[in-house]
Amino acid sequence: MKEAAHLLKRRTFVKNPADATRQINDSLEDQTRPRIRNLIPDVALDGLTKLVGCERDLFHQG
């Protein structure tokens, strides 16, 4: 997990879940070279959200 620590980012879902959703989707789109867009729907995150994760190997081909 130490090598992946730079990938972890703190987001404040309670204050602005829509902004956190946008940031996550934008980051994912950048990392997948626009193949994956808007993976997380606008209504998926809310003030009760504690963690959002993704298994990189599911999307990585190579």
PDB file of N, CA and C in Angstrom:
ATOM      1  N   MET A   1       0.825  -1.202   0.000  1.00  0.00           N
ATOM      2  CA  MET A   1       0.000   0.000   0.000  1.00  0.00           C
ATOM      3  C   MET A   1       0.865   1.260   0.000  1.00  0.00           C
ATOM      4  N   LYS A   2       2.078   1.141   0.512  1.00  0.00           N
ATOM      5  CA  LYS A   2       2.946   2.311   0.578  1.00  0.00           C
ATOM      6  C   LYS A   2       3.179   2.932  -0.798  1.00  0.00           C
ATOM      7  N   GLU A   3       3.392   2.094  -1.814  1.00  0.00           N
ATOM      8  CA  GLU A   3       3.642   2.618  -3.155  1.00  0.00           C
ATOM      9  C   GLU A   3       2.416   3.294  -3.761  1.00  0.00           C
ATOM     10  N   ALA A   4       1.236   3.002  -3.250  1.00  0.00           N
ATOM     11  CA  ALA A   4       0.004   3.606  -3.768  1.00  0.00           C
ATOM     12  C   ALA A   4      -0.460   4.791  -2.928  1.00  0.00           C
ATOM     13  N   ALA A   5       0.295   5.146  -1.908  1.00  0.00           N
ATOM     14  CA  ALA A   5      -0.127   6.221  -1.010  1.00  0.00           C
ATOM     15  C   ALA A   5      -0.331   7.545  -1.745  1.00  0.00           C
ATOM     16  N   HIS A   6       0.450   7.793  -2.782  1.00  0.00           N
ATOM     17  CA  HIS A   6       0.304   9.052  -3.526  1.00  0.00           C
ATOM     18  C   HIS A   6      -1.017   9.125  -4.290  1.00  0.00           C
ATOM     19  N   LEU A   7      -1.691   7.994  -4.455  1.00  0.00           N
ATOM     20  CA  LEU A   7      -2.967   7.976  -5.167  1.00  0.00           C
ATOM     21  C   LEU A   7      -4.145   8.319  -4.260  1.00  0.00           C
ATOM     22  N   LEU A   8      -3.921   8.244  -2.951  1.00  0.00           N
ATOM     23  CA  LEU A   8      -4.993   8.519  -2.003  1.00  0.00           C
ATOM     24  C   LEU A   8      -5.150  10.022  -1.830  1.00  0.00           C
ATOM     25  N   LYS A   9      -6.369  10.477  -1.916  1.00  0.00           N
ATOM     26  CA  LYS A   9      -6.640  11.896  -1.736  1.00  0.00           C
ATOM     27  C   LYS A   9      -7.860  12.044  -0.846  1.00  0.00           C
ATOM     28  N   ARG A  10      -7.807  13.025   0.010  1.00  0.00           N
ATOM     29  CA  ARG A  10      -8.932  13.284   0.902  1.00  0.00           C
ATOM     30  C   ARG A  10      -9.943  14.177   0.185  1.00  0.00           C
ATOM     31  N   ARG A  11     -11.168  13.770   0.205  1.00  0.00           N
ATOM     32  CA  ARG A  11     -12.253  14.555  -0.378  1.00  0.00           C
ATOM     33  C   ARG A  11     -13.289  14.797   0.714  1.00  0.00           C
ATOM     34  N   THR A  12     -13.940  15.922   0.654  1.00  0.00           N
ATOM     35  CA  THR A  12     -14.970  16.223   1.636  1.00  0.00           C
ATOM     36  C   THR A  12     -16.330  16.001   0.998  1.00  0.00           C
ATOM     37  N   PHE A  13     -16.886  14.831   1.226  1.00  0.00           N
ATOM     38  CA  PHE A  13     -18.187  14.492   0.667  1.00  0.00           C
ATOM     39  C   PHE A  13     -19.307  15.225   1.389  1.00  0.00           C
ATOM     40  N   VAL A  14     -19.122  15.479   2.687  1.00  0.00           N
ATOM     41  CA  VAL A  14     -20.174  16.104   3.481  1.00  0.00           C
ATOM     42  C   VAL A  14     -20.469  17.515   2.980  1.00  0.00           C
ATOM     43  N   LYS A  15     -19.429  18.303   2.762  1.00  0.00           N
ATOM     44  CA  LYS A  15     -19.623  19.702   2.383  1.00  0.00           C
ATOM     45  C   LYS A  15     -20.044  19.877   0.934  1.00  0.00           C
ATOM     46  N   ASN A  16     -19.465  19.067   0.043  1.00  0.00           N
ATOM     47  CA  ASN A  16     -19.764  19.259  -1.377  1.00  0.00           C
ATOM     48  C   ASN A  16     -19.611  17.949  -2.146  1.00  0.00           C
ATOM     49  N   PRO A  17     -20.580  17.041  -2.017  1.00  0.00           N
ATOM     50  CA  PRO A  17     -20.471  15.755  -2.708  1.00  0.00           C
ATOM     51  C   PRO A  17     -20.439  15.884  -4.230  1.00  0.00           C
ATOM     52  N   ALA A  18     -21.110  16.876  -4.782  1.00  0.00           N
ATOM     53  CA  ALA A  18     -21.107  17.048  -6.241  1.00  0.00           C
ATOM     54  C   ALA A  18     -19.712  17.406  -6.742  1.00  0.00           C
ATOM     55  N   ASP A  19     -18.999  18.250  -6.004  1.00  0.00           N
ATOM     56  CA  ASP A  19     -17.641  18.625  -6.391  1.00  0.00           C
ATOM     57  C   ASP A  19     -16.695  17.430  -6.274  1.00  0.00           C
ATOM     58  N   ALA A  20     -16.842  16.643  -5.217  1.00  0.00           N
ATOM     59  CA  ALA A  20     -16.014  15.447  -5.055  1.00  0.00           C
ATOM     60  C   ALA A  20     -16.274  14.462  -6.192  1.00  0.00           C
ATOM     61  N   THR A  21     -17.519  14.294  -6.568  1.00  0.00           N
ATOM     62  CA  THR A  21     -17.871  13.403  -7.682  1.00  0.00           C
ATOM     63  C   THR A  21     -17.223  13.880  -8.975  1.00  0.00           C
ATOM     64  N   ARG A  22     -17.301  15.172  -9.228  1.00  0.00           N
ATOM     65  CA  ARG A  22     -16.698  15.741 -10.435  1.00  0.00           C
ATOM     66  C   ARG A  22     -15.184  15.538 -10.446  1.00  0.00           C
ATOM     67  N   GLN A  23     -14.535  15.769  -9.313  1.00  0.00           N
ATOM     68  CA  GLN A  23     -13.081  15.602  -9.235  1.00  0.00           C
ATOM     69  C   GLN A  23     -12.668  14.157  -9.483  1.00  0.00           C
ATOM     70  N   ILE A  24     -13.395  13.224  -8.903  1.00  0.00           N
ATOM     71  CA  ILE A  24     -13.086  11.802  -9.090  1.00  0.00           C
ATOM     72  C   ILE A  24     -13.291  11.405 -10.549  1.00  0.00           C
ATOM     73  N   ASN A  25     -14.418  11.790 -11.124  1.00  0.00           N
ATOM     74  CA  ASN A  25     -14.696  11.452 -12.526  1.00  0.00           C
ATOM     75  C   ASN A  25     -13.684  12.095 -13.474  1.00  0.00           C
ATOM     76  N   ASP A  26     -13.314  13.347 -13.209  1.00  0.00           N
ATOM     77  CA  ASP A  26     -12.320  14.018 -14.052  1.00  0.00           C
ATOM     78  C   ASP A  26     -10.972  13.311 -13.975  1.00  0.00           C
ATOM     79  N   SER A  27     -10.573  12.920 -12.778  1.00  0.00           N
ATOM     80  CA  SER A  27      -9.299  12.220 -12.599  1.00  0.00           C
ATOM     81  C   SER A  27      -9.308  10.880 -13.322  1.00  0.00           C
ATOM     82  N   LEU A  28     -10.396  10.145 -13.193  1.00  0.00           N
ATOM     83  CA  LEU A  28     -10.509   8.849 -13.861  1.00  0.00           C
ATOM     84  C   LEU A  28     -10.482   9.011 -15.381  1.00  0.00           C
ATOM     85  N   GLU A  29     -11.164  10.027 -15.870  1.00  0.00           N
ATOM     86  CA  GLU A  29     -11.168  10.281 -17.316  1.00  0.00           C
ATOM     87  C   GLU A  29      -9.754  10.604 -17.810  1.00  0.00           C
ATOM     88  N   ASP A  30      -9.029  11.416 -17.053  1.00  0.00           N
ATOM     89  CA  ASP A  30      -7.648  11.745 -17.430  1.00  0.00           C
ATOM     90  C   ASP A  30      -6.759  10.502 -17.435  1.00  0.00           C
ATOM     91  N   GLN A  31      -6.908   9.655 -16.419  1.00  0.00           N
ATOM     92  CA  GLN A  31      -6.061   8.470 -16.293  1.00  0.00           C
ATOM     93  C   GLN A  31      -6.362   7.411 -17.346  1.00  0.00           C
ATOM     94  N   THR A  32      -7.577   7.383 -17.844  1.00  0.00           N
ATOM     95  CA  THR A  32      -7.948   6.363 -18.836  1.00  0.00           C
ATOM     96  C   THR A  32      -7.948   6.925 -20.255  1.00  0.00           C
ATOM     97  N   ARG A  33      -7.405   8.090 -20.405  1.00  0.00           N
ATOM     98  CA  ARG A  33      -7.334   8.762 -21.713  1.00  0.00           C
ATOM     99  C   ARG A  33      -8.707   8.787 -22.383  1.00  0.00           C
ATOM    100  N   PRO A  34      -9.658   9.460 -21.751  1.00  0.00           N
ATOM    101  CA  PRO A  34     -11.087   9.569 -21.999  1.00  0.00           C
ATOM    102  C   PRO A  34     -11.882   8.312 -22.362  1.00  0.00           C
ATOM    103  N   ARG A  35     -11.387   7.121 -22.008  1.00  0.00           N
ATOM    104  CA  ARG A  35     -12.179   5.914 -22.286  1.00  0.00           C
ATOM    105  C   ARG A  35     -13.296   5.718 -21.266  1.00  0.00           C
ATOM    106  N   ILE A  36     -13.063   6.166 -20.048  1.00  0.00           N
ATOM    107  CA  ILE A  36     -14.082   6.029 -19.004  1.00  0.00           C
ATOM    108  C   ILE A  36     -14.482   7.426 -18.563  1.00  0.00           C
ATOM    109  N   ARG A  37     -15.756   7.737 -18.741  1.00  0.00           N
ATOM    110  CA  ARG A  37     -16.283   9.052 -18.374  1.00  0.00           C
ATOM    111  C   ARG A  37     -17.466   8.879 -17.440  1.00  0.00           C
ATOM    112  N   ASN A  38     -17.517   9.719 -16.434  1.00  0.00           N
ATOM    113  CA  ASN A  38     -18.658   9.766 -15.511  1.00  0.00           C
ATOM    114  C   ASN A  38     -19.014   8.394 -14.949  1.00  0.00           C
ATOM    115  N   LEU A  39     -18.023   7.705 -14.418  1.00  0.00           N
ATOM    116  CA  LEU A  39     -18.254   6.397 -13.812  1.00  0.00           C
ATOM    117  C   LEU A  39     -19.161   6.509 -12.590  1.00  0.00           C
ATOM    118  N   ILE A  40     -18.977   7.558 -11.821  1.00  0.00           N
ATOM    119  CA  ILE A  40     -19.780   7.752 -10.613  1.00  0.00           C
ATOM    120  C   ILE A  40     -20.915   8.718 -10.936  1.00  0.00           C
ATOM    121  N   PRO A  41     -22.164   8.276 -10.810  1.00  0.00           N
ATOM    122  CA  PRO A  41     -23.304   9.158 -11.085  1.00  0.00           C
ATOM    123  C   PRO A  41     -23.362  10.317 -10.086  1.00  0.00           C
ATOM    124  N   ASP A  42     -23.954  11.410 -10.486  1.00  0.00           N
ATOM    125  CA  ASP A  42     -24.042  12.603  -9.639  1.00  0.00           C
ATOM    126  C   ASP A  42     -24.675  12.344  -8.281  1.00  0.00           C
ATOM    127  N   VAL A  43     -25.597  11.421  -8.207  1.00  0.00           N
ATOM    128  CA  VAL A  43     -26.318  11.179  -6.949  1.00  0.00           C
ATOM    129  C   VAL A  43     -25.713  10.046  -6.112  1.00  0.00           C
ATOM    130  N   ALA A  44     -24.578   9.495  -6.533  1.00  0.00           N
ATOM    131  CA  ALA A  44     -24.011   8.332  -5.841  1.00  0.00           C
ATOM    132  C   ALA A  44     -23.340   8.688  -4.515  1.00  0.00           C
ATOM    133  N   LEU A  45     -22.747   9.861  -4.414  1.00  0.00           N
ATOM    134  CA  LEU A  45     -22.037  10.262  -3.201  1.00  0.00           C
ATOM    135  C   LEU A  45     -22.869  11.257  -2.421  1.00  0.00           C
ATOM    136  N   ASP A  46     -22.790  11.141  -1.095  1.00  0.00           N
ATOM    137  CA  ASP A  46     -23.484  12.099  -0.243  1.00  0.00           C
ATOM    138  C   ASP A  46     -22.695  12.282   1.048  1.00  0.00           C
ATOM    139  N   GLY A  47     -23.268  12.949   1.995  1.00  0.00           N
ATOM    140  CA  GLY A  47     -22.602  13.224   3.256  1.00  0.00           C
ATOM    141  C   GLY A  47     -22.270  11.998   4.075  1.00  0.00           C
ATOM    142  N   LEU A  48     -22.858  10.866   3.754  1.00  0.00           N
ATOM    143  CA  LEU A  48     -22.568   9.625   4.473  1.00  0.00           C
ATOM    144  C   LEU A  48     -21.429   8.831   3.836  1.00  0.00           C
ATOM    145  N   THR A  49     -20.959   9.244   2.668  1.00  0.00           N
ATOM    146  CA  THR A  49     -19.886   8.541   1.966  1.00  0.00           C
ATOM    147  C   THR A  49     -18.584   8.682   2.738  1.00  0.00           C
ATOM    148  N   LYS A  50     -17.926   7.558   2.979  1.00  0.00           N
ATOM    149  CA  LYS A  50     -16.656   7.556   3.708  1.00  0.00           C
ATOM    150  C   LYS A  50     -15.470   7.222   2.822  1.00  0.00           C
ATOM    151  N   LEU A  51     -15.685   6.391   1.801  1.00  0.00           N
ATOM    152  CA  LEU A  51     -14.572   5.944   0.978  1.00  0.00           C
ATOM    153  C   LEU A  51     -15.056   5.602  -0.421  1.00  0.00           C
ATOM    154  N   VAL A  52     -14.279   5.998  -1.411  1.00  0.00           N
ATOM    155  CA  VAL A  52     -14.528   5.613  -2.798  1.00  0.00           C
ATOM    156  C   VAL A  52     -13.232   5.003  -3.295  1.00  0.00           C
ATOM    157  N   GLY A  53     -13.317   3.810  -3.855  1.00  0.00           N
ATOM    158  CA  GLY A  53     -12.107   3.147  -4.317  1.00  0.00           C
ATOM    159  C   GLY A  53     -12.307   2.509  -5.674  1.00  0.00           C
ATOM    160  N   CYS A  54     -11.197   2.139  -6.265  1.00  0.00           N
ATOM    161  CA  CYS A  54     -11.229   1.517  -7.575  1.00  0.00           C
ATOM    162  C   CYS A  54     -10.081   0.532  -7.675  1.00  0.00           C
ATOM    163  N   GLU A  55     -10.339  -0.627  -8.177  1.00  0.00           N
ATOM    164  CA  GLU A  55      -9.299  -1.623  -8.413  1.00  0.00           C
ATOM    165  C   GLU A  55      -8.665  -1.308  -9.754  1.00  0.00           C
ATOM    166  N   ARG A  56      -7.466  -0.776  -9.727  1.00  0.00           N
ATOM    167  CA  ARG A  56      -6.793  -0.336 -10.949  1.00  0.00           C
ATOM    168  C   ARG A  56      -6.656  -1.462 -11.963  1.00  0.00           C
ATOM    169  N   ASP A  57      -6.377  -2.679 -11.520  1.00  0.00           N
ATOM    170  CA  ASP A  57      -6.168  -3.789 -12.446  1.00  0.00           C
ATOM    171  C   ASP A  57      -7.406  -4.114 -13.272  1.00  0.00           C
ATOM    172  N   LEU A  58      -8.579  -3.717 -12.797  1.00  0.00           N
ATOM    173  CA  LEU A  58      -9.792  -3.953 -13.572  1.00  0.00           C
ATOM    174  C   LEU A  58      -9.792  -3.145 -14.858  1.00  0.00           C
ATOM    175  N   PHE A  59      -9.122  -1.997 -14.842  1.00  0.00           N
ATOM    176  CA  PHE A  59      -9.122  -1.101 -15.991  1.00  0.00           C
ATOM    177  C   PHE A  59      -7.809  -1.122 -16.757  1.00  0.00           C
ATOM    178  N   HIS A  60      -6.783  -1.690 -16.166  1.00  0.00           N
ATOM    179  CA  HIS A  60      -5.450  -1.654 -16.772  1.00  0.00           C
ATOM    180  C   HIS A  60      -5.242  -2.844 -17.701  1.00  0.00           C
ATOM    181  N   GLN A  61      -4.879  -2.555 -18.905  1.00  0.00           N
ATOM    182  CA  GLN A  61      -4.544  -3.610 -19.860  1.00  0.00           C
ATOM    183  C   GLN A  61      -3.110  -3.389 -20.298  1.00  0.00           C
ATOM    184  N   GLY A  62      -2.294  -4.380 -20.141  1.00  0.00           N
ATOM    185  CA  GLY A  62      -0.933  -4.172 -20.571  1.00  0.00           C
ATOM    186  C   GLY A  62      -0.017  -5.104 -20.012  1.00  0.00           C
TER     187      GLY A  62
END
